[in-house]
């Protein structure tokens, strides 16, 4: 049990470091994206792609008024566009902290575009429970084996799944032993008494 507890602690520490690394990567991408957004607004102020770029940047930087204004121009295409569904999923997650809604939207985006690795990666991260998270991780690994989430979070997700499986197996084994012991202790029923012979 102490070994399992130590392993869980290491997983938690690794998760914390992984999240820190992802935050640094995200900030680098956000700084680089700022220049692209400014240039897109300057050169193509009426292009639908500009609204998409601005909406994505506004979402990542938490500028929700800009996000609302930009996404409203794309509403007609939203239902069948995996990229826009993905943006709505991120909005559910980042703006409203609604993980279940976000997961549903990530799945919807993958339904439109099954090869959308970024949606699968996010779904892997928002999924609750070791078994469900590992199942989504396996899909991500098959879809994009070089994805950053595979390398950064994969070892921890796999370890948590193996740990949960070990606990589950141990509980099942203990339950079987307890049931077996209780079954062995039950008294054996006495044979039925034969009726007395009828009087002649």
C-alpha atoms as a PDB file:
ATOM      1  CA  UNK A   1       0.000   0.000   0.000  1.00  0.00           C
ATOM      2  CA  UNK A   2       2.877   2.382   0.833  1.00  0.00           C
ATOM      3  CA  UNK A   3       4.370   1.681  -2.598  1.00  0.00           C
ATOM      4  CA  UNK A   4       1.073   2.602  -4.293  1.00  0.00           C
ATOM      5  CA  UNK A   5       0.806   5.791  -2.210  1.00  0.00           C
ATOM      6  CA  UNK A   6       4.353   6.803  -3.201  1.00  0.00           C
ATOM      7  CA  UNK A   7       3.520   6.147  -6.847  1.00  0.00           C
ATOM      8  CA  UNK A   8       0.379   8.303  -6.632  1.00  0.00           C
ATOM      9  CA  UNK A   9       2.433  11.132  -5.105  1.00  0.00           C
ATOM     10  CA  UNK A  10       4.960  10.940  -7.929  1.00  0.00           C
ATOM     11  CA  UNK A  11       2.129  11.022 -10.474  1.00  0.00           C
ATOM     12  CA  UNK A  12       0.710  14.164  -8.863  1.00  0.00           C
ATOM     13  CA  UNK A  13       4.131  15.847  -8.935  1.00  0.00           C
ATOM     14  CA  UNK A  14       4.609  14.892 -12.576  1.00  0.00           C
ATOM     15  CA  UNK A  15       1.141  16.242 -13.436  1.00  0.00           C
ATOM     16  CA  UNK A  16       2.014  19.563 -11.803  1.00  0.00           C
ATOM     17  CA  UNK A  17       5.279  19.841 -13.754  1.00  0.00           C
ATOM     18  CA  UNK A  18       3.520  18.826 -16.985  1.00  0.00           C
ATOM     19  CA  UNK A  19       0.872  21.513 -16.532  1.00  0.00           C
ATOM     20  CA  UNK A  20       3.614  24.083 -15.922  1.00  0.00           C
ATOM     21  CA  UNK A  21       5.394  23.067 -19.130  1.00  0.00           C
ATOM     22  CA  UNK A  22       2.149  23.276 -21.121  1.00  0.00           C
ATOM     23  CA  UNK A  23       1.443  26.735 -19.674  1.00  0.00           C
ATOM     24  CA  UNK A  24       4.846  27.973 -20.846  1.00  0.00           C
ATOM     25  CA  UNK A  25       4.250  26.545 -24.333  1.00  0.00           C
ATOM     26  CA  UNK A  26       0.805  28.155 -24.446  1.00  0.00           C
ATOM     27  CA  UNK A  27       2.194  31.579 -23.534  1.00  0.00           C
ATOM     28  CA  UNK A  28       4.849  31.309 -26.252  1.00  0.00           C
ATOM     29  CA  UNK A  29       2.181  30.472 -28.834  1.00  0.00           C
ATOM     30  CA  UNK A  30      -0.039  33.297 -27.603  1.00  0.00           C
ATOM     31  CA  UNK A  31       2.712  35.902 -27.963  1.00  0.00           C
ATOM     32  CA  UNK A  32       3.476  34.713 -31.481  1.00  0.00           C
ATOM     33  CA  UNK A  33      -0.220  34.689 -32.384  1.00  0.00           C
ATOM     34  CA  UNK A  34      -0.684  38.317 -31.332  1.00  0.00           C
ATOM     35  CA  UNK A  35       1.368  39.503 -34.299  1.00  0.00           C
ATOM     36  CA  UNK A  36      -0.603  37.331 -36.734  1.00  0.00           C
ATOM     37  CA  UNK A  37      -3.921  38.646 -35.385  1.00  0.00           C
ATOM     38  CA  UNK A  38      -2.844  42.265 -35.674  1.00  0.00           C
ATOM     39  CA  UNK A  39      -1.664  41.725 -39.251  1.00  0.00           C
ATOM     40  CA  UNK A  40      -4.837  39.827 -40.231  1.00  0.00           C
ATOM     41  CA  UNK A  41      -7.016  42.625 -38.891  1.00  0.00           C
ATOM     42  CA  UNK A  42      -4.988  45.196 -40.804  1.00  0.00           C
ATOM     43  CA  UNK A  43      -4.841  43.400 -44.160  1.00  0.00           C
ATOM     44  CA  UNK A  44      -8.121  41.433 -44.256  1.00  0.00           C
ATOM     45  CA  UNK A  45     -10.694  43.216 -42.063  1.00  0.00           C
ATOM     46  CA  UNK A  46     -13.713  41.611 -43.801  1.00  0.00           C
ATOM     47  CA  UNK A  47     -12.408  38.090 -44.431  1.00  0.00           C
ATOM     48  CA  UNK A  48     -14.227  35.323 -42.471  1.00  0.00           C
ATOM     49  CA  UNK A  49     -10.854  33.758 -41.727  1.00  0.00           C
ATOM     50  CA  UNK A  50      -9.886  36.948 -39.885  1.00  0.00           C
ATOM     51  CA  UNK A  51     -12.909  36.562 -37.600  1.00  0.00           C
ATOM     52  CA  UNK A  52     -11.877  32.983 -36.902  1.00  0.00           C
ATOM     53  CA  UNK A  53      -8.313  33.988 -36.053  1.00  0.00           C
ATOM     54  CA  UNK A  54      -9.472  36.858 -33.852  1.00  0.00           C
ATOM     55  CA  UNK A  55     -12.010  34.607 -32.063  1.00  0.00           C
ATOM     56  CA  UNK A  56      -9.337  32.015 -31.322  1.00  0.00           C
ATOM     57  CA  UNK A  57      -6.859  34.619 -30.089  1.00  0.00           C
ATOM     58  CA  UNK A  58      -9.510  36.380 -27.977  1.00  0.00           C
ATOM     59  CA  UNK A  59     -10.506  33.064 -26.416  1.00  0.00           C
ATOM     60  CA  UNK A  60      -6.933  32.145 -25.508  1.00  0.00           C
ATOM     61  CA  UNK A  61      -6.244  35.606 -24.075  1.00  0.00           C
ATOM     62  CA  UNK A  62      -9.574  35.825 -22.227  1.00  0.00           C
ATOM     63  CA  UNK A  63     -10.876  38.814 -24.185  1.00  0.00           C
ATOM     64  CA  UNK A  64     -14.471  37.631 -24.187  1.00  0.00           C
ATOM     65  CA  UNK A  65     -16.099  40.699 -25.749  1.00  0.00           C
ATOM     66  CA  UNK A  66     -13.794  40.331 -28.775  1.00  0.00           C
ATOM     67  CA  UNK A  67     -14.561  36.617 -28.838  1.00  0.00           C
ATOM     68  CA  UNK A  68     -18.335  37.199 -28.818  1.00  0.00           C
ATOM     69  CA  UNK A  69     -18.098  39.818 -31.546  1.00  0.00           C
ATOM     70  CA  UNK A  70     -15.928  37.649 -33.797  1.00  0.00           C
ATOM     71  CA  UNK A  71     -17.759  34.356 -33.324  1.00  0.00           C
ATOM     72  CA  UNK A  72     -21.116  36.005 -34.053  1.00  0.00           C
ATOM     73  CA  UNK A  73     -19.958  36.569 -37.649  1.00  0.00           C
ATOM     74  CA  UNK A  74     -19.362  32.826 -38.024  1.00  0.00           C
ATOM     75  CA  UNK A  75     -22.598  31.543 -36.473  1.00  0.00           C
ATOM     76  CA  UNK A  76     -24.086  30.246 -39.744  1.00  0.00           C
ATOM     77  CA  UNK A  77     -21.130  27.892 -40.319  1.00  0.00           C
ATOM     78  CA  UNK A  78     -20.792  26.763 -36.706  1.00  0.00           C
ATOM     79  CA  UNK A  79     -22.946  23.599 -36.738  1.00  0.00           C
ATOM     80  CA  UNK A  80     -20.824  21.704 -39.289  1.00  0.00           C
ATOM     81  CA  UNK A  81     -17.397  23.255 -38.744  1.00  0.00           C
ATOM     82  CA  UNK A  82     -15.116  21.224 -36.461  1.00  0.00           C
ATOM     83  CA  UNK A  83     -12.854  24.229 -35.839  1.00  0.00           C
ATOM     84  CA  UNK A  84     -15.721  26.414 -34.632  1.00  0.00           C
ATOM     85  CA  UNK A  85     -17.187  23.613 -32.502  1.00  0.00           C
ATOM     86  CA  UNK A  86     -13.718  23.251 -30.981  1.00  0.00           C
ATOM     87  CA  UNK A  87     -13.719  26.978 -30.150  1.00  0.00           C
ATOM     88  CA  UNK A  88     -17.089  26.600 -28.432  1.00  0.00           C
ATOM     89  CA  UNK A  89     -15.689  23.666 -26.455  1.00  0.00           C
ATOM     90  CA  UNK A  90     -12.767  25.808 -25.309  1.00  0.00           C
ATOM     91  CA  UNK A  91     -15.200  28.563 -24.390  1.00  0.00           C
ATOM     92  CA  UNK A  92     -17.170  26.111 -22.220  1.00  0.00           C
ATOM     93  CA  UNK A  93     -13.950  25.066 -20.539  1.00  0.00           C
ATOM     94  CA  UNK A  94     -12.095  28.388 -20.163  1.00  0.00           C
ATOM     95  CA  UNK A  95     -14.945  30.843 -19.775  1.00  0.00           C
ATOM     96  CA  UNK A  96     -17.598  28.859 -17.938  1.00  0.00           C
ATOM     97  CA  UNK A  97     -15.538  26.002 -16.385  1.00  0.00           C
ATOM     98  CA  UNK A  98     -18.098  23.474 -17.680  1.00  0.00           C
ATOM     99  CA  UNK A  99     -15.979  20.379 -18.260  1.00  0.00           C
ATOM    100  CA  UNK A 100     -18.844  18.047 -19.207  1.00  0.00           C
ATOM    101  CA  UNK A 101     -20.187  20.481 -21.807  1.00  0.00           C
ATOM    102  CA  UNK A 102     -16.672  20.951 -23.147  1.00  0.00           C
ATOM    103  CA  UNK A 103     -16.203  17.172 -23.428  1.00  0.00           C
ATOM    104  CA  UNK A 104     -19.469  16.846 -25.377  1.00  0.00           C
ATOM    105  CA  UNK A 105     -18.368  19.584 -27.778  1.00  0.00           C
ATOM    106  CA  UNK A 106     -14.901  18.053 -28.246  1.00  0.00           C
ATOM    107  CA  UNK A 107     -16.641  14.779 -29.145  1.00  0.00           C
ATOM    108  CA  UNK A 108     -18.919  16.654 -31.537  1.00  0.00           C
ATOM    109  CA  UNK A 109     -15.890  18.266 -33.201  1.00  0.00           C
ATOM    110  CA  UNK A 110     -14.306  14.816 -33.566  1.00  0.00           C
ATOM    111  CA  UNK A 111     -17.553  13.551 -35.069  1.00  0.00           C
ATOM    112  CA  UNK A 112     -17.206  16.176 -37.792  1.00  0.00           C
ATOM    113  CA  UNK A 113     -13.438  15.674 -38.138  1.00  0.00           C
ATOM    114  CA  UNK A 114     -12.173  12.388 -36.601  1.00  0.00           C
ATOM    115  CA  UNK A 115      -8.565  13.369 -37.305  1.00  0.00           C
ATOM    116  CA  UNK A 116      -8.676  16.573 -35.244  1.00  0.00           C
ATOM    117  CA  UNK A 117      -5.838  15.784 -32.850  1.00  0.00           C
ATOM    118  CA  UNK A 118      -6.155  18.973 -30.809  1.00  0.00           C
ATOM    119  CA  UNK A 119      -9.782  18.111 -29.955  1.00  0.00           C
ATOM    120  CA  UNK A 120      -8.752  14.569 -28.978  1.00  0.00           C
ATOM    121  CA  UNK A 121      -5.918  15.968 -26.849  1.00  0.00           C
ATOM    122  CA  UNK A 122      -8.249  18.335 -24.999  1.00  0.00           C
ATOM    123  CA  UNK A 123     -10.808  15.558 -24.529  1.00  0.00           C
ATOM    124  CA  UNK A 124      -8.066  13.439 -22.979  1.00  0.00           C
ATOM    125  CA  UNK A 125      -7.295  16.201 -20.485  1.00  0.00           C
ATOM    126  CA  UNK A 126     -10.887  17.063 -19.509  1.00  0.00           C
ATOM    127  CA  UNK A 127     -12.129  13.471 -19.169  1.00  0.00           C
ATOM    128  CA  UNK A 128     -12.761  12.386 -15.577  1.00  0.00           C
ATOM    129  CA  UNK A 129     -11.766   9.025 -14.115  1.00  0.00           C
ATOM    130  CA  UNK A 130      -8.625   7.023 -14.782  1.00  0.00           C
ATOM    131  CA  UNK A 131     -10.320   4.499 -17.096  1.00  0.00           C
ATOM    132  CA  UNK A 132     -12.098   7.096 -19.262  1.00  0.00           C
ATOM    133  CA  UNK A 133      -9.019   9.329 -19.441  1.00  0.00           C
ATOM    134  CA  UNK A 134      -6.811   6.394 -20.452  1.00  0.00           C
ATOM    135  CA  UNK A 135      -9.296   5.346 -23.169  1.00  0.00           C
ATOM    136  CA  UNK A 136      -9.153   8.846 -24.687  1.00  0.00           C
ATOM    137  CA  UNK A 137      -5.370   8.905 -24.308  1.00  0.00           C
ATOM    138  CA  UNK A 138      -5.091   5.661 -26.283  1.00  0.00           C
ATOM    139  CA  UNK A 139      -7.141   7.247 -29.080  1.00  0.00           C
ATOM    140  CA  UNK A 140      -4.851  10.289 -29.063  1.00  0.00           C
ATOM    141  CA  UNK A 141      -1.752   8.090 -29.140  1.00  0.00           C
ATOM    142  CA  UNK A 142      -3.097   6.229 -32.174  1.00  0.00           C
ATOM    143  CA  UNK A 143      -4.125   9.463 -33.900  1.00  0.00           C
ATOM    144  CA  UNK A 144      -1.042  11.572 -33.150  1.00  0.00           C
ATOM    145  CA  UNK A 145       1.749   9.612 -31.448  1.00  0.00           C
ATOM    146  CA  UNK A 146       4.077  12.636 -31.451  1.00  0.00           C
ATOM    147  CA  UNK A 147       1.563  15.007 -29.833  1.00  0.00           C
ATOM    148  CA  UNK A 148       2.905  16.963 -26.838  1.00  0.00           C
ATOM    149  CA  UNK A 149       0.176  15.570 -24.565  1.00  0.00           C
ATOM    150  CA  UNK A 150       1.310  12.021 -25.381  1.00  0.00           C
ATOM    151  CA  UNK A 151       4.829  12.814 -24.202  1.00  0.00           C
ATOM    152  CA  UNK A 152       4.043  15.163 -21.316  1.00  0.00           C
ATOM    153  CA  UNK A 153       0.898  13.661 -19.783  1.00  0.00           C
ATOM    154  CA  UNK A 154       1.014  10.128 -21.203  1.00  0.00           C
ATOM    155  CA  UNK A 155       3.253   8.546 -18.543  1.00  0.00           C
ATOM    156  CA  UNK A 156       1.132   9.974 -15.743  1.00  0.00           C
ATOM    157  CA  UNK A 157      -2.182   8.979 -17.365  1.00  0.00           C
ATOM    158  CA  UNK A 158      -0.904   5.447 -17.952  1.00  0.00           C
ATOM    159  CA  UNK A 159       0.450   5.182 -14.421  1.00  0.00           C
ATOM    160  CA  UNK A 160      -2.846   6.420 -12.909  1.00  0.00           C
ATOM    161  CA  UNK A 161      -4.747   3.877 -15.003  1.00  0.00           C
ATOM    162  CA  UNK A 162      -2.452   1.033 -13.913  1.00  0.00           C
ATOM    163  CA  UNK A 163      -2.751   2.171 -10.292  1.00  0.00           C
ATOM    164  CA  UNK A 164      -6.560   2.259 -10.506  1.00  0.00           C
ATOM    165  CA  UNK A 165      -6.540  -1.180 -12.149  1.00  0.00           C
ATOM    166  CA  UNK A 166      -4.338  -2.548  -9.353  1.00  0.00           C
ATOM    167  CA  UNK A 167      -6.719  -1.219  -6.691  1.00  0.00           C
ATOM    168  CA  UNK A 168      -9.692  -2.637  -8.574  1.00  0.00           C
ATOM    169  CA  UNK A 169      -8.041  -6.060  -8.931  1.00  0.00           C
ATOM    170  CA  UNK A 170      -7.033  -6.070  -5.258  1.00  0.00           C
ATOM    171  CA  UNK A 171     -10.585  -5.219  -4.168  1.00  0.00           C
ATOM    172  CA  UNK A 172     -12.045  -7.922  -6.420  1.00  0.00           C
ATOM    173  CA  UNK A 173      -9.568 -10.493  -5.065  1.00  0.00           C
ATOM    174  CA  UNK A 174     -10.310  -9.546  -1.476  1.00  0.00           C
ATOM    175  CA  UNK A 175     -14.058  -9.713  -2.107  1.00  0.00           C
ATOM    176  CA  UNK A 176     -13.669 -13.172  -3.671  1.00  0.00           C
ATOM    177  CA  UNK A 177     -11.632 -14.372  -0.673  1.00  0.00           C
ATOM    178  CA  UNK A 178     -14.192 -12.955   1.794  1.00  0.00           C
ATOM    179  CA  UNK A 179     -17.083 -14.503  -0.106  1.00  0.00           C
ATOM    180  CA  UNK A 180     -15.256 -17.841  -0.287  1.00  0.00           C
ATOM    181  CA  UNK A 181     -14.488 -17.814   3.437  1.00  0.00           C
ATOM    182  CA  UNK A 182     -18.074 -16.934   4.320  1.00  0.00           C
ATOM    183  CA  UNK A 183     -19.349 -19.672   1.997  1.00  0.00           C
ATOM    184  CA  UNK A 184     -17.109 -22.255   3.652  1.00  0.00           C
ATOM    185  CA  UNK A 185     -18.349 -21.300   7.124  1.00  0.00           C
ATOM    186  CA  UNK A 186     -22.018 -21.847   6.347  1.00  0.00           C
ATOM    187  CA  UNK A 187     -23.485 -24.877   8.238  1.00  0.00           C
ATOM    188  CA  UNK A 188     -24.501 -27.901   6.214  1.00  0.00           C
ATOM    189  CA  UNK A 189     -28.252 -28.466   6.180  1.00  0.00           C
ATOM    190  CA  UNK A 190     -29.391 -31.578   8.106  1.00  0.00           C
ATOM    191  CA  UNK A 191     -30.957 -34.347   6.003  1.00  0.00           C
ATOM    192  CA  UNK A 192     -34.765 -34.411   6.085  1.00  0.00           C
ATOM    193  CA  UNK A 193     -36.334 -36.685   8.754  1.00  0.00           C
ATOM    194  CA  UNK A 194     -38.079 -39.731   7.266  1.00  0.00           C
ATOM    195  CA  UNK A 195     -41.786 -39.884   8.119  1.00  0.00           C
ATOM    196  CA  UNK A 196     -42.906 -42.530  10.661  1.00  0.00           C
ATOM    197  CA  UNK A 197     -44.423 -45.656   9.098  1.00  0.00           C
ATOM    198  CA  UNK A 198     -48.199 -45.665   8.979  1.00  0.00           C
ATOM    199  CA  UNK A 199     -50.012 -47.799  11.614  1.00  0.00           C
ATOM    200  CA  UNK A 200     -51.276 -51.188  10.312  1.00  0.00           C
END
